[in-house]
Every structure is written in C-alpha cells, then in structure tokens.
Amino acid sequence: MLLVDEVERGIRFYCEVLGGKVSTVYPEEPPHEWASLQLGGVEFMLWEKGAARKEYPGLVISENPVSFIAYIYVDDPDALYERIKGRVRVLMAPVDQFYGVREFTVRDPFGFVLTFAQEKGD
C-alpha cells in the first residue's frame, strides 16, 4: 500500500501509463481516499495520506516516499519500457543484470521507485 497525496493522480499513472486496472475504490465517487489496482499479477493499493492519518491517529507519514524499491516481474520489460519511457522519469533503462534478469527502473509521480524485470530465458 502506497501512501499518496492524491489517489486519482495515482490511478491515472498506474492505469493510463502502466496499464493497470482499478479493482475497487472508496468512496465510489471522487475524491477517492483509497484504491486497489491490478497491474498484471500485482495488487497495488493507494491510500490518501489524510485518510491514513484519520485511521491511525499518531501515524507519522514522511513527506518523502519511503526508501524502498518495488520489484515487479513482467512478461516483456522492453515492450513496457518502450510504451512508457516518454511518460515517466526513467532511473535506469533496460539492462541485462548479472543475476539473471532484464530490468528497468522508473519513479512514479509520488517519488516511489519501481523496477520492472523479467528472468532471462523466459
């Protein structure tokens, strides 16, 4: 679950840019406080920071994204990269890694780092 400033902005990025599908939103009408999205076999949940603070009083939420990299396996990283490269901030173009994967890395609109990978030989 990613804590974001605006769920609609996240839905636009994860669906329109990356090709995800909305599973559920709450409330049903915008502005949404929470959304569940499917990106291939991965579920992403987006939760608006203010709503999270209401649910968990005293929750400390950094204004910067947490330092982690979401690592997502996809069927064809090169095709995905070609489709989205002009619409995202690319941190690493597709490369074959010594550990047996081909991967690339981007940053989402909120600053979260996403790596898309495929095992070589797939």
Protein backbone atom coordinates (compact mmCIF):
# COMPACT_ATOMS: atom_id res chain seq x y z
CA MET A 1 0.00 0.00 0.00
CA LEU A 2 1.42 3.33 -1.06
CA LEU A 3 0.51 6.47 0.90
CA VAL A 4 -0.11 9.22 -1.66
CA ASP A 5 -1.22 12.83 -1.81
CA GLU A 6 -3.98 12.21 -4.37
CA VAL A 7 -5.49 8.82 -5.18
CA GLU A 8 -6.90 9.97 -8.56
CA ARG A 9 -3.42 11.01 -9.68
CA GLY A 10 -2.15 7.55 -8.72
CA ILE A 11 -4.99 5.86 -10.59
CA ARG A 12 -4.16 7.86 -13.72
CA PHE A 13 -0.47 6.90 -13.53
CA TYR A 14 -0.86 3.23 -12.66
CA CYS A 15 -3.72 2.67 -15.13
CA GLU A 16 -3.12 5.05 -18.04
CA VAL A 17 0.68 4.90 -18.07
CA LEU A 18 1.45 1.41 -16.74
CA GLY A 19 -1.70 -0.37 -17.95
CA GLY A 20 -3.18 -1.33 -14.58
CA LYS A 21 -6.87 -1.87 -13.85
CA VAL A 22 -8.92 -0.46 -10.98
CA SER A 23 -10.36 -3.21 -8.77
CA THR A 24 -12.00 -1.16 -6.01
CA VAL A 25 -12.20 2.46 -4.89
CA TYR A 26 -13.51 4.08 -1.73
CA PRO A 27 -15.65 6.05 -1.68
CA GLU A 28 -17.21 5.16 -5.01
CA GLU A 29 -17.27 8.80 -6.17
CA PRO A 30 -14.16 11.02 -6.29
CA PRO A 31 -12.31 12.22 -4.46
CA HIS A 32 -11.25 8.71 -3.52
CA GLU A 33 -9.46 8.01 -0.24
CA TRP A 34 -8.34 4.51 -1.22
CA ALA A 35 -7.98 2.37 -4.33
CA SER A 36 -6.93 -1.15 -5.19
CA LEU A 37 -5.34 -1.61 -8.62
CA GLN A 38 -4.20 -4.70 -10.50
CA LEU A 39 -1.01 -4.47 -12.51
CA GLY A 40 -0.57 -7.88 -14.07
CA GLY A 41 -0.44 -10.26 -11.13
CA VAL A 42 0.42 -7.49 -8.66
CA GLU A 43 -2.06 -5.62 -6.47
CA PHE A 44 -1.25 -2.01 -5.63
CA MET A 45 -3.25 -0.16 -3.02
CA LEU A 46 -3.18 3.62 -2.87
CA TRP A 47 -4.25 5.38 0.33
CA GLU A 48 -4.59 9.13 0.63
CA LYS A 49 -2.31 10.39 3.41
CA GLY A 50 -5.02 12.36 5.23
CA ALA A 51 -7.33 9.33 5.32
CA ALA A 52 -4.50 7.18 6.67
CA ARG A 53 -3.87 9.70 9.45
CA LYS A 54 -7.57 9.55 10.42
CA GLU A 55 -7.46 5.76 10.57
CA TYR A 56 -4.22 5.65 12.54
CA PRO A 57 -4.02 8.68 14.86
CA GLY A 58 -0.42 9.49 15.58
CA LEU A 59 0.82 7.85 12.40
CA VAL A 60 3.94 9.63 11.20
CA ILE A 61 3.93 9.96 7.43
CA SER A 62 7.04 11.23 5.73
CA GLU A 63 6.58 13.83 3.04
CA ASN A 64 9.13 11.83 1.04
CA PRO A 65 8.48 8.28 -0.14
CA VAL A 66 9.86 5.51 1.99
CA SER A 67 13.22 4.25 0.79
CA PHE A 68 12.35 1.02 -0.95
CA ILE A 69 12.15 -0.31 -4.47
CA ALA A 70 9.05 -2.18 -5.63
CA TYR A 71 10.31 -5.04 -7.78
CA ILE A 72 7.70 -6.23 -10.28
CA TYR A 73 8.10 -9.12 -12.69
CA VAL A 74 6.52 -8.57 -16.11
CA ASP A 75 6.31 -10.61 -19.31
CA ASP A 76 8.18 -8.15 -21.54
CA PRO A 77 10.11 -5.32 -19.85
CA ASP A 78 11.39 -3.97 -23.17
CA ALA A 79 7.88 -3.56 -24.61
CA LEU A 80 6.67 -1.91 -21.39
CA TYR A 81 9.68 0.41 -21.37
CA GLU A 82 9.09 1.48 -24.98
CA ARG A 83 5.42 2.19 -24.21
CA ILE A 84 6.05 4.34 -21.11
CA LYS A 85 9.55 5.85 -21.40
CA GLY A 86 8.35 9.30 -22.51
CA ARG A 87 5.73 9.44 -19.75
CA VAL A 88 7.81 8.56 -16.68
CA ARG A 89 11.05 9.56 -15.03
CA VAL A 90 13.45 6.77 -16.01
CA LEU A 91 16.11 5.97 -13.45
CA MET A 92 17.62 3.02 -15.33
CA ALA A 93 16.99 1.98 -18.92
CA PRO A 94 16.59 -1.76 -19.68
CA VAL A 95 19.71 -3.72 -18.87
CA ASP A 96 20.69 -7.37 -18.51
CA GLN A 97 21.86 -7.90 -14.94
CA PHE A 98 24.48 -10.38 -13.75
CA TYR A 99 21.84 -12.01 -11.51
CA GLY A 100 19.85 -13.29 -14.46
CA VAL A 101 17.18 -10.69 -15.12
CA ARG A 102 16.49 -7.93 -17.62
CA GLU A 103 15.11 -4.90 -15.83
CA PHE A 104 14.48 -1.16 -15.89
CA THR A 105 13.60 1.29 -13.16
CA VAL A 106 11.32 4.36 -13.05
CA ARG A 107 9.96 6.77 -10.45
CA ASP A 108 6.19 7.22 -10.08
CA PRO A 109 4.57 10.69 -9.68
CA PHE A 110 4.85 10.44 -5.88
CA GLY A 111 8.55 9.54 -5.88
CA PHE A 112 8.23 5.78 -5.36
CA VAL A 113 10.81 3.69 -7.24
CA LEU A 114 9.52 0.81 -9.40
CA THR A 115 11.70 -1.80 -11.08
CA PHE A 116 10.17 -3.98 -13.80
CA ALA A 117 12.01 -7.20 -14.52
CA GLN A 118 11.92 -10.50 -16.38
CA GLU A 119 14.10 -13.53 -15.72
CA LYS A 120 16.39 -14.19 -18.69
CA GLY A 121 15.28 -17.17 -20.69
CA ASP A 122 11.54 -16.54 -20.08
